[in-house]
Amino acid sequence: MIRDANFSDAAVLASIYNHYIEHTVATFEEEMLNAREFEERLQSVSDQGFPWIVLEEAGEIVGFAYAARFKERTAYRYSVESTVYLKPDVTGSGYGTALYLELFNRLRALGVHAVIGGITLPNPASVALHEKLGMEKVAHFPQVGFKHGEWLDVGYWQLNFEST
C-alpha cells in the first residue's frame, strides 16, 4: 500500500534514511537525523505543494519517495528533484519502482514537467531504477563530494513529462 507520509511516520523515515547516512555514500549527509528534523522536512515538502509518499507492507513502512523544488528561482517551478529510499533488506524487490511510478503520477497531476534524480556514482542499482522509468543521464560531476574518506562523483538523470 502506498499512502501520503505524515508526521507520525517521521521516526521510521529517519531510521531508514539514517542507515544510508551512516553506512553508505548514497546521501552526502553525514549527521544522523532525528524524528523532529524529519517532521520539518515533511513540512517543507508539503509547503512546496509536492508529494511525500510511503510504501507499507504488512503495516510496516519499507520505503519512501518524495519530490522537492529542483532550484529556488521561479523559472524552475515546473522542475523537481526526486528521492527514493528503501529499508536495506527490501532493495531489489520492486518497491522503488512502485514508489517512483506513484510519485511520477502525482507529479504529472500537479503539472510538473521535469523530474531530476541525483545519484552518487557508482550505484548500478539506482541507475537501473532511474533508467527503467525512462530517465536519462544528463550530467556527471566528478569528485564533488567527500564522504567516508573518498571523493565521490554524482550523476543526474532526468525525465520530462509530456506537456499538456
Protein backbone atom coordinates (compact mmCIF):
# COMPACT_ATOMS: atom_id res chain seq x y z
CA MET A 1 0.00 0.00 0.00
CA ILE A 2 1.27 3.45 -0.93
CA ARG A 3 -0.02 6.44 1.00
CA ASP A 4 0.88 10.00 1.93
CA ALA A 5 3.52 10.31 4.62
CA ASN A 6 2.57 12.04 7.86
CA PHE A 7 4.33 13.30 10.96
CA SER A 8 3.73 10.06 12.84
CA ASP A 9 5.96 8.35 10.24
CA ALA A 10 8.93 10.62 10.94
CA ALA A 11 10.83 8.29 13.29
CA VAL A 12 10.59 5.35 10.88
CA LEU A 13 11.57 7.52 7.90
CA ALA A 14 14.55 8.88 9.82
CA SER A 15 15.60 5.32 10.71
CA ILE A 16 15.52 4.24 7.06
CA TYR A 17 17.43 7.32 5.93
CA ASN A 18 19.95 7.19 8.79
CA HIS A 19 21.10 3.78 7.57
CA TYR A 20 22.20 5.44 4.32
CA ILE A 21 23.84 8.34 6.15
CA GLU A 22 25.85 6.05 8.39
CA HIS A 23 26.69 3.11 6.13
CA THR A 24 26.68 4.37 2.52
CA VAL A 25 27.56 7.26 0.27
CA ALA A 26 24.08 7.33 -1.31
CA THR A 27 23.45 10.59 0.55
CA PHE A 28 26.04 13.24 1.22
CA GLU A 29 24.59 13.98 4.63
CA GLU A 30 26.93 12.93 7.39
CA GLU A 31 24.96 13.66 10.57
CA MET A 32 22.14 11.37 11.66
CA LEU A 33 18.66 12.90 11.77
CA ASN A 34 16.02 12.62 14.47
CA ALA A 35 12.26 12.41 14.07
CA ARG A 36 11.77 16.15 14.65
CA GLU A 37 14.17 17.01 11.83
CA PHE A 38 12.27 14.64 9.56
CA GLU A 39 8.98 16.28 10.52
CA GLU A 40 10.47 19.60 9.42
CA ARG A 41 11.47 18.08 6.09
CA LEU A 42 7.99 16.61 5.61
CA GLN A 43 6.51 20.03 6.33
CA SER A 44 8.88 21.74 3.88
CA VAL A 45 7.91 19.38 1.05
CA SER A 46 4.24 19.84 1.89
CA ASP A 47 4.65 23.64 1.96
CA GLN A 48 6.12 23.44 -1.55
CA GLY A 49 3.00 21.57 -2.68
CA PHE A 50 4.79 18.35 -3.58
CA PRO A 51 4.09 14.76 -2.50
CA TRP A 52 5.94 12.67 0.06
CA ILE A 53 4.73 9.08 0.00
CA VAL A 54 5.47 5.87 1.87
CA LEU A 55 5.08 2.22 0.92
CA GLU A 56 3.81 -0.17 3.56
CA GLU A 57 3.98 -3.93 3.57
CA ALA A 58 2.02 -5.74 6.30
CA GLY A 59 1.54 -2.41 8.07
CA GLU A 60 5.26 -1.61 8.16
CA ILE A 61 6.86 1.25 6.22
CA VAL A 62 9.52 -0.21 3.94
CA GLY A 63 10.35 2.85 1.85
CA PHE A 64 9.56 6.40 0.89
CA ALA A 65 9.77 8.78 -2.03
CA TYR A 66 9.23 12.48 -2.44
CA ALA A 67 9.87 15.41 -4.72
CA ALA A 68 11.01 18.91 -3.89
CA ARG A 69 11.93 22.03 -5.82
CA PHE A 70 14.90 21.50 -8.07
CA LYS A 71 16.07 25.09 -7.51
CA GLU A 72 14.60 28.18 -5.92
CA ARG A 73 14.42 30.51 -8.95
CA THR A 74 10.86 30.83 -10.27
CA ALA A 75 11.69 29.67 -13.79
CA TYR A 76 12.42 26.24 -12.28
CA ARG A 77 8.87 25.97 -10.87
CA TYR A 78 7.97 23.05 -13.17
CA SER A 79 11.09 21.05 -12.28
CA VAL A 80 11.61 18.85 -9.21
CA GLU A 81 14.28 16.65 -7.72
CA SER A 82 13.04 13.19 -6.81
CA THR A 83 14.25 10.97 -3.98
CA VAL A 84 13.57 7.36 -3.04
CA TYR A 85 14.91 5.31 -0.11
CA LEU A 86 14.10 1.76 0.97
CA LYS A 87 14.88 -0.30 4.03
CA PRO A 88 18.13 -2.05 3.11
CA ASP A 89 16.63 -5.53 3.43
CA VAL A 90 13.96 -4.88 0.76
CA THR A 91 16.05 -3.39 -2.04
CA GLY A 92 15.61 -5.14 -5.37
CA SER A 93 12.01 -6.06 -4.53
CA GLY A 94 10.29 -3.65 -6.93
CA TYR A 95 9.32 -1.25 -4.16
CA GLY A 96 11.46 1.55 -5.56
CA THR A 97 9.72 1.19 -8.92
CA ALA A 98 6.29 1.21 -7.28
CA LEU A 99 7.11 4.32 -5.27
CA TYR A 100 8.53 6.19 -8.24
CA LEU A 101 5.61 5.27 -10.51
CA GLU A 102 3.16 6.63 -7.94
CA LEU A 103 5.29 9.70 -7.33
CA PHE A 104 5.53 10.40 -11.07
CA ASN A 105 1.76 10.05 -11.48
CA ARG A 106 1.21 12.58 -8.70
CA LEU A 107 3.78 14.94 -10.16
CA ARG A 108 2.16 14.80 -13.61
CA ALA A 109 -1.18 15.69 -12.00
CA LEU A 110 0.50 18.73 -10.41
CA GLY A 111 1.75 19.96 -13.78
CA VAL A 112 5.42 19.15 -13.16
CA HIS A 113 7.40 19.00 -16.40
CA ALA A 114 10.89 17.75 -15.41
CA VAL A 115 11.92 15.23 -12.76
CA ILE A 116 15.61 15.09 -11.90
CA GLY A 117 17.29 12.44 -9.77
CA GLY A 118 20.80 12.72 -8.40
CA ILE A 119 22.82 9.54 -7.85
CA THR A 120 26.16 9.08 -6.12
CA LEU A 121 28.29 7.04 -8.52
CA PRO A 122 28.90 4.22 -8.88
CA ASN A 123 25.46 2.89 -7.92
CA PRO A 124 24.29 0.39 -10.55
CA ALA A 125 21.02 -0.41 -8.76
CA SER A 126 19.92 3.22 -8.55
CA VAL A 127 20.99 3.88 -12.13
CA ALA A 128 18.96 0.84 -13.26
CA LEU A 129 15.89 2.05 -11.35
CA HIS A 130 16.02 5.53 -12.85
CA GLU A 131 16.63 4.26 -16.38
CA LYS A 132 13.89 1.62 -16.04
CA LEU A 133 11.48 4.51 -15.53
CA GLY A 134 12.68 6.33 -18.63
CA MET A 135 15.10 8.74 -17.01
CA GLU A 136 18.21 9.57 -18.99
CA LYS A 137 21.63 10.59 -17.72
CA VAL A 138 22.11 14.30 -18.36
CA ALA A 139 25.10 15.22 -16.20
CA HIS A 140 28.13 13.78 -14.46
CA PHE A 141 30.10 15.74 -11.86
CA PRO A 142 33.38 14.09 -10.90
CA GLN A 143 34.64 14.23 -7.31
CA VAL A 144 32.11 16.77 -6.00
CA GLY A 145 31.55 15.09 -2.63
CA PHE A 146 33.83 13.70 0.05
CA LYS A 147 32.47 11.13 2.48
CA HIS A 148 33.88 8.11 4.30
CA GLY A 149 37.38 9.06 3.18
CA GLU A 150 36.75 9.09 -0.57
CA TRP A 151 35.96 11.55 -3.34
CA LEU A 152 32.61 10.84 -4.94
CA ASP A 153 31.02 11.51 -8.31
CA VAL A 154 27.39 12.47 -8.80
CA GLY A 155 25.29 11.87 -11.89
CA TYR A 156 21.91 13.38 -12.70
CA TRP A 157 19.10 11.59 -14.52
CA GLN A 158 16.11 13.41 -15.96
CA LEU A 159 12.65 12.63 -17.25
CA ASN A 160 10.44 15.21 -18.94
CA PHE A 161 6.72 14.60 -18.90
CA GLU A 162 4.71 15.44 -21.98
CA SER A 163 3.35 18.99 -21.85
CA THR A 164 -0.42 19.23 -21.66
